C-alpha atoms as a PDB file:
ATOM      1  CA  MET A   1       4.190  15.204  57.018  1.00  0.00           C
ATOM      2  CA  ARG A   2       5.730  17.765  54.706  1.00  0.00           C
ATOM      3  CA  LEU A   3       8.617  15.400  53.884  1.00  0.00           C
ATOM      4  CA  ALA A   4       6.156  12.651  52.914  1.00  0.00           C
ATOM      5  CA  GLY A   5       4.393  15.016  50.484  1.00  0.00           C
ATOM      6  CA  MET A   6       7.698  15.941  48.829  1.00  0.00           C
ATOM      7  CA  TRP A   7       8.616  12.273  48.588  1.00  0.00           C
ATOM      8  CA  LYS A   8       5.317  11.444  46.864  1.00  0.00           C
ATOM      9  CA  SER A   9       5.822  14.324  44.422  1.00  0.00           C
ATOM     10  CA  ALA A  10       9.337  13.120  43.594  1.00  0.00           C
ATOM     11  CA  VAL A  11       8.110   9.557  43.005  1.00  0.00           C
ATOM     12  CA  ALA A  12       5.245  10.799  40.817  1.00  0.00           C
ATOM     13  CA  LEU A  13       7.637  12.961  38.795  1.00  0.00           C
ATOM     14  CA  ALA A  14      10.075  10.057  38.332  1.00  0.00           C
ATOM     15  CA  ALA A  15       7.240   7.740  37.266  1.00  0.00           C
ATOM     16  CA  ALA A  16       6.009  10.305  34.740  1.00  0.00           C
ATOM     17  CA  GLY A  17       9.539  10.633  33.362  1.00  0.00           C
ATOM     18  CA  LEU A  18       9.912   6.870  33.011  1.00  0.00           C
ATOM     19  CA  LEU A  19       6.550   6.527  31.282  1.00  0.00           C
ATOM     20  CA  SER A  20       7.287   9.331  28.839  1.00  0.00           C
ATOM     21  CA  ALA A  21      10.565   7.631  27.879  1.00  0.00           C
ATOM     22  CA  CYS A  22       8.590   4.591  26.726  1.00  0.00           C
ATOM     23  CA  VAL A  23       6.355   6.491  24.300  1.00  0.00           C
ATOM     24  CA  ALA A  24       7.051   5.648  20.664  1.00  0.00           C
ATOM     25  CA  GLN A  25       8.627   8.442  18.657  1.00  0.00           C
ATOM     26  CA  PHE A  26       8.646   8.602  14.861  1.00  0.00           C
ATOM     27  CA  ARG A  27      11.294  10.080  12.571  1.00  0.00           C
ATOM     28  CA  ASP A  28      10.886  10.636   8.850  1.00  0.00           C
ATOM     29  CA  HIS A  29      13.803  10.385   6.417  1.00  0.00           C
ATOM     30  CA  GLY A  30      14.052  11.081   2.700  1.00  0.00           C
ATOM     31  CA  TYR A  31      11.727  12.737   0.229  1.00  0.00           C
ATOM     32  CA  ILE A  32       8.992  11.556  -2.087  1.00  0.00           C
ATOM     33  CA  PRO A  33       6.826  13.907  -4.205  1.00  0.00           C
ATOM     34  CA  SER A  34       3.231  14.439  -3.085  1.00  0.00           C
ATOM     35  CA  THR A  35       0.309  12.613  -4.684  1.00  0.00           C
ATOM     36  CA  GLN A  36      -0.643  15.763  -6.619  1.00  0.00           C
ATOM     37  CA  ALA A  37       2.905  16.199  -7.926  1.00  0.00           C
ATOM     38  CA  ARG A  38       3.049  12.537  -8.994  1.00  0.00           C
ATOM     39  CA  ALA A  39      -0.296  12.917 -10.789  1.00  0.00           C
ATOM     40  CA  SER A  40       1.124  15.806 -12.817  1.00  0.00           C
ATOM     41  CA  LEU A  41       3.871  13.638 -14.345  1.00  0.00           C
ATOM     42  CA  ALA A  42       3.136  12.647 -17.944  1.00  0.00           C
ATOM     43  CA  VAL A  43       4.606   9.440 -19.355  1.00  0.00           C
ATOM     44  CA  GLY A  44       5.989  10.049 -22.834  1.00  0.00           C
ATOM     45  CA  GLN A  45       6.140  13.829 -22.372  1.00  0.00           C
ATOM     46  CA  ASP A  46       8.162  14.780 -19.297  1.00  0.00           C
ATOM     47  CA  THR A  47      11.953  14.653 -19.339  1.00  0.00           C
ATOM     48  CA  MET A  48      14.516  14.235 -16.585  1.00  0.00           C
ATOM     49  CA  GLU A  49      15.029  18.000 -16.510  1.00  0.00           C
ATOM     50  CA  THR A  50      11.340  18.948 -16.332  1.00  0.00           C
ATOM     51  CA  ILE A  51      10.724  16.429 -13.556  1.00  0.00           C
ATOM     52  CA  ALA A  52      13.695  17.708 -11.534  1.00  0.00           C
ATOM     53  CA  GLU A  53      12.356  21.266 -11.906  1.00  0.00           C
ATOM     54  CA  ARG A  54       8.754  20.365 -11.036  1.00  0.00           C
ATOM     55  CA  VAL A  55       9.088  17.887  -8.159  1.00  0.00           C
ATOM     56  CA  GLY A  56      12.734  18.276  -7.117  1.00  0.00           C
ATOM     57  CA  THR A  57      15.853  16.240  -7.541  1.00  0.00           C
ATOM     58  CA  PRO A  58      15.716  12.561  -6.632  1.00  0.00           C
ATOM     59  CA  THR A  59      17.249  10.918  -3.612  1.00  0.00           C
ATOM     60  CA  THR A  60      19.456   8.874  -5.926  1.00  0.00           C
ATOM     61  CA  GLY A  61      19.865   8.158  -9.614  1.00  0.00           C
ATOM     62  CA  GLY A  62      20.083   4.893 -11.486  1.00  0.00           C
ATOM     63  CA  VAL A  63      23.275   2.900 -11.188  1.00  0.00           C
ATOM     64  CA  ILE A  64      23.471   1.986 -14.861  1.00  0.00           C
ATOM     65  CA  ARG A  65      23.672   4.974 -17.240  1.00  0.00           C
ATOM     66  CA  GLY A  66      21.478   7.079 -14.928  1.00  0.00           C
ATOM     67  CA  GLN A  67      18.247   6.111 -16.721  1.00  0.00           C
ATOM     68  CA  SER A  68      16.127   6.093 -13.552  1.00  0.00           C
ATOM     69  CA  TYR A  69      15.242   8.423 -10.700  1.00  0.00           C
ATOM     70  CA  TYR A  70      14.596   6.989  -7.231  1.00  0.00           C
ATOM     71  CA  TYR A  71      12.761   9.049  -4.615  1.00  0.00           C
ATOM     72  CA  VAL A  72      12.909   7.291  -1.229  1.00  0.00           C
ATOM     73  CA  ALA A  73      11.063   8.176   1.997  1.00  0.00           C
ATOM     74  CA  SER A  74      11.121   6.115   5.199  1.00  0.00           C
ATOM     75  CA  ARG A  75       9.519   6.348   8.627  1.00  0.00           C
ATOM     76  CA  PHE A  76      11.267   4.877  11.672  1.00  0.00           C
ATOM     77  CA  ARG A  77       9.748   4.136  15.077  1.00  0.00           C
ATOM     78  CA  HIS A  78      11.962   4.654  18.122  1.00  0.00           C
ATOM     79  CA  TYR A  79      10.668   2.986  21.264  1.00  0.00           C
ATOM     80  CA  GLY A  80      12.623   3.344  24.481  1.00  0.00           C
ATOM     81  CA  LEU A  81      16.014   1.688  24.356  1.00  0.00           C
ATOM     82  CA  LEU A  82      15.083  -0.679  21.537  1.00  0.00           C
ATOM     83  CA  GLU A  83      16.697  -0.464  18.114  1.00  0.00           C
ATOM     84  CA  PRO A  84      14.778   1.811  15.699  1.00  0.00           C
ATOM     85  CA  GLU A  85      12.391  -0.083  13.417  1.00  0.00           C
ATOM     86  CA  GLU A  86      11.463   0.943   9.882  1.00  0.00           C
ATOM     87  CA  VAL A  87       7.668   0.889   9.792  1.00  0.00           C
ATOM     88  CA  GLN A  88       7.008   2.539   6.439  1.00  0.00           C
ATOM     89  CA  ARG A  89       8.935   3.021   3.195  1.00  0.00           C
ATOM     90  CA  GLN A  90       7.912   4.387  -0.167  1.00  0.00           C
ATOM     91  CA  VAL A  91      10.083   4.334  -3.270  1.00  0.00           C
ATOM     92  CA  LEU A  92       9.008   6.220  -6.381  1.00  0.00           C
ATOM     93  CA  VAL A  93      10.815   4.876  -9.446  1.00  0.00           C
ATOM     94  CA  LEU A  94      10.795   6.951 -12.620  1.00  0.00           C
ATOM     95  CA  ASP A  95      12.273   5.161 -15.647  1.00  0.00           C
ATOM     96  CA  PHE A  96      13.486   7.055 -18.701  1.00  0.00           C
ATOM     97  CA  ASP A  97      14.333   5.969 -22.234  1.00  0.00           C
ATOM     98  CA  SER A  98      17.691   6.688 -23.896  1.00  0.00           C
ATOM     99  CA  ALA A  99      16.460  10.173 -24.923  1.00  0.00           C
ATOM    100  CA  GLY A 100      15.649  11.066 -21.289  1.00  0.00           C
ATOM    101  CA  ILE A 101      11.851  10.933 -21.713  1.00  0.00           C
ATOM    102  CA  LEU A 102       9.719   9.421 -18.932  1.00  0.00           C
ATOM    103  CA  ARG A 103       8.557   5.915 -19.883  1.00  0.00           C
ATOM    104  CA  ASN A 104       7.315   4.381 -16.585  1.00  0.00           C
ATOM    105  CA  ILE A 105       6.235   5.403 -13.066  1.00  0.00           C
ATOM    106  CA  GLU A 106       6.240   2.843 -10.258  1.00  0.00           C
ATOM    107  CA  LEU A 107       5.471   3.296  -6.554  1.00  0.00           C
ATOM    108  CA  LEU A 108       6.861   0.636  -4.217  1.00  0.00           C
ATOM    109  CA  ALA A 109       6.266   0.120  -0.496  1.00  0.00           C
ATOM    110  CA  LEU A 110       8.142  -1.585   2.332  1.00  0.00           C
ATOM    111  CA  GLU A 111       6.239  -4.798   1.621  1.00  0.00           C
ATOM    112  CA  ASP A 112       7.670  -4.868  -1.930  1.00  0.00           C
ATOM    113  CA  GLY A 113      11.265  -4.813  -0.671  1.00  0.00           C
ATOM    114  CA  ARG A 114      13.520  -7.749  -0.149  1.00  0.00           C
ATOM    115  CA  VAL A 115      16.541  -8.355   2.045  1.00  0.00           C
ATOM    116  CA  VAL A 116      19.862  -8.252   0.219  1.00  0.00           C
ATOM    117  CA  GLU A 117      22.540 -10.490   1.674  1.00  0.00           C
ATOM    118  CA  LEU A 118      25.980  -8.902   1.594  1.00  0.00           C
ATOM    119  CA  GLU A 119      29.120 -10.929   0.899  1.00  0.00           C
ATOM    120  CA  ARG A 120      31.796 -10.414   3.513  1.00  0.00           C
ATOM    121  CA  ARG A 121      34.639 -11.763   1.349  1.00  0.00           C
ATOM    122  CA  VAL A 122      37.840  -9.760   0.976  1.00  0.00           C
ATOM    123  CA  THR A 123      39.763  -9.658  -2.285  1.00  0.00           C
ATOM    124  CA  ASP A 124      43.471 -10.394  -1.885  1.00  0.00           C
ATOM    125  CA  ASP A 125      45.647  -7.647  -3.351  1.00  0.00           C
ATOM    126  CA  ASN A 126      48.723  -9.929  -3.695  1.00  0.00           C
ATOM    127  CA  LEU A 127      50.864  -7.313  -1.987  1.00  0.00           C
ATOM    128  CA  SER A 128      52.980  -8.010   1.022  1.00  0.00           C
ATOM    129  CA  ASP A 129      52.334  -5.937   4.103  1.00  0.00           C
ATOM    130  CA  VAL A 130      55.122  -3.452   3.448  1.00  0.00           C
ATOM    131  CA  SER A 131      54.806   0.190   4.392  1.00  0.00           C
ATOM    132  CA  PHE A 132      55.056   2.997   1.857  1.00  0.00           C
ATOM    133  CA  LEU A 133      58.476   4.028   3.153  1.00  0.00           C
ATOM    134  CA  ALA A 134      59.799   0.457   2.882  1.00  0.00           C
ATOM    135  CA  GLN A 135      58.548   0.229  -0.715  1.00  0.00           C
ATOM    136  CA  LEU A 136      60.181   3.572  -1.543  1.00  0.00           C
ATOM    137  CA  VAL A 137      63.543   2.630  -0.047  1.00  0.00           C
ATOM    138  CA  GLY A 138      63.332  -0.856  -1.556  1.00  0.00           C
ATOM    139  CA  GLY A 139      63.041   0.647  -5.039  1.00  0.00           C
ATOM    140  CA  ILE A 140      66.399   2.425  -4.802  1.00  0.00           C
ATOM    141  CA  GLY A 141      68.946   0.784  -7.068  1.00  0.00           C
ATOM    142  CA  ARG A 142      66.389  -0.905  -9.301  1.00  0.00           C
ATOM    143  CA  PHE A 143      66.379   1.865 -11.883  1.00  0.00           C
ATOM    144  CA  GLU A 144      68.421   2.113 -15.057  1.00  0.00           C
ATOM    145  CA  ALA A 145      69.326   5.260 -16.973  1.00  0.00           C
ATOM    146  CA  SER A 146      67.223   4.087 -19.925  1.00  0.00           C
ATOM    147  CA  ASP A 147      64.147   4.313 -17.713  1.00  0.00           C
ATOM    148  CA  PHE A 148      64.576   8.085 -17.494  1.00  0.00           C
ATOM    149  CA  VAL A 149      66.028   8.878 -20.923  1.00  0.00           C
ATOM    150  CA  GLY A 150      63.743   8.455 -23.894  1.00  0.00           C
ATOM    151  CA  SER A 151      65.110   6.001 -26.442  1.00  0.00           C
ATOM    152  CA  GLU A 152      64.707   7.099 -30.049  1.00  0.00           C
END
């Protein structure tokens, strides 16, 4: 009788462990300023420096000439053994003019994104597969004294 009670307890504990493993868990990544902080930004008045001081540095800067700040925050759902799924994303884009003054504020969501297809092509370097040591030894005897002595 006592063994049966222990067996039932073990089965109940195992079932509880299995069920808890299937509960969705959420992880947040990145940073985006709060609604109040975003409301305090003034187009035409704030600069890159004042924004960095007030709301923090961005997740990443613009690729071309650094004329934009991008604040990115994402939420991922982990469910059991399945691959994590991004369920929420917000991107705050702050555009600046050439003088570094804020000219536009845009808030984007996951629904505004688009999939970018990557090219898997490899550029040929036109070099034979020769090791560094082979290239070094192969260069012996190809030098002339005029290569080392400046000609005037």
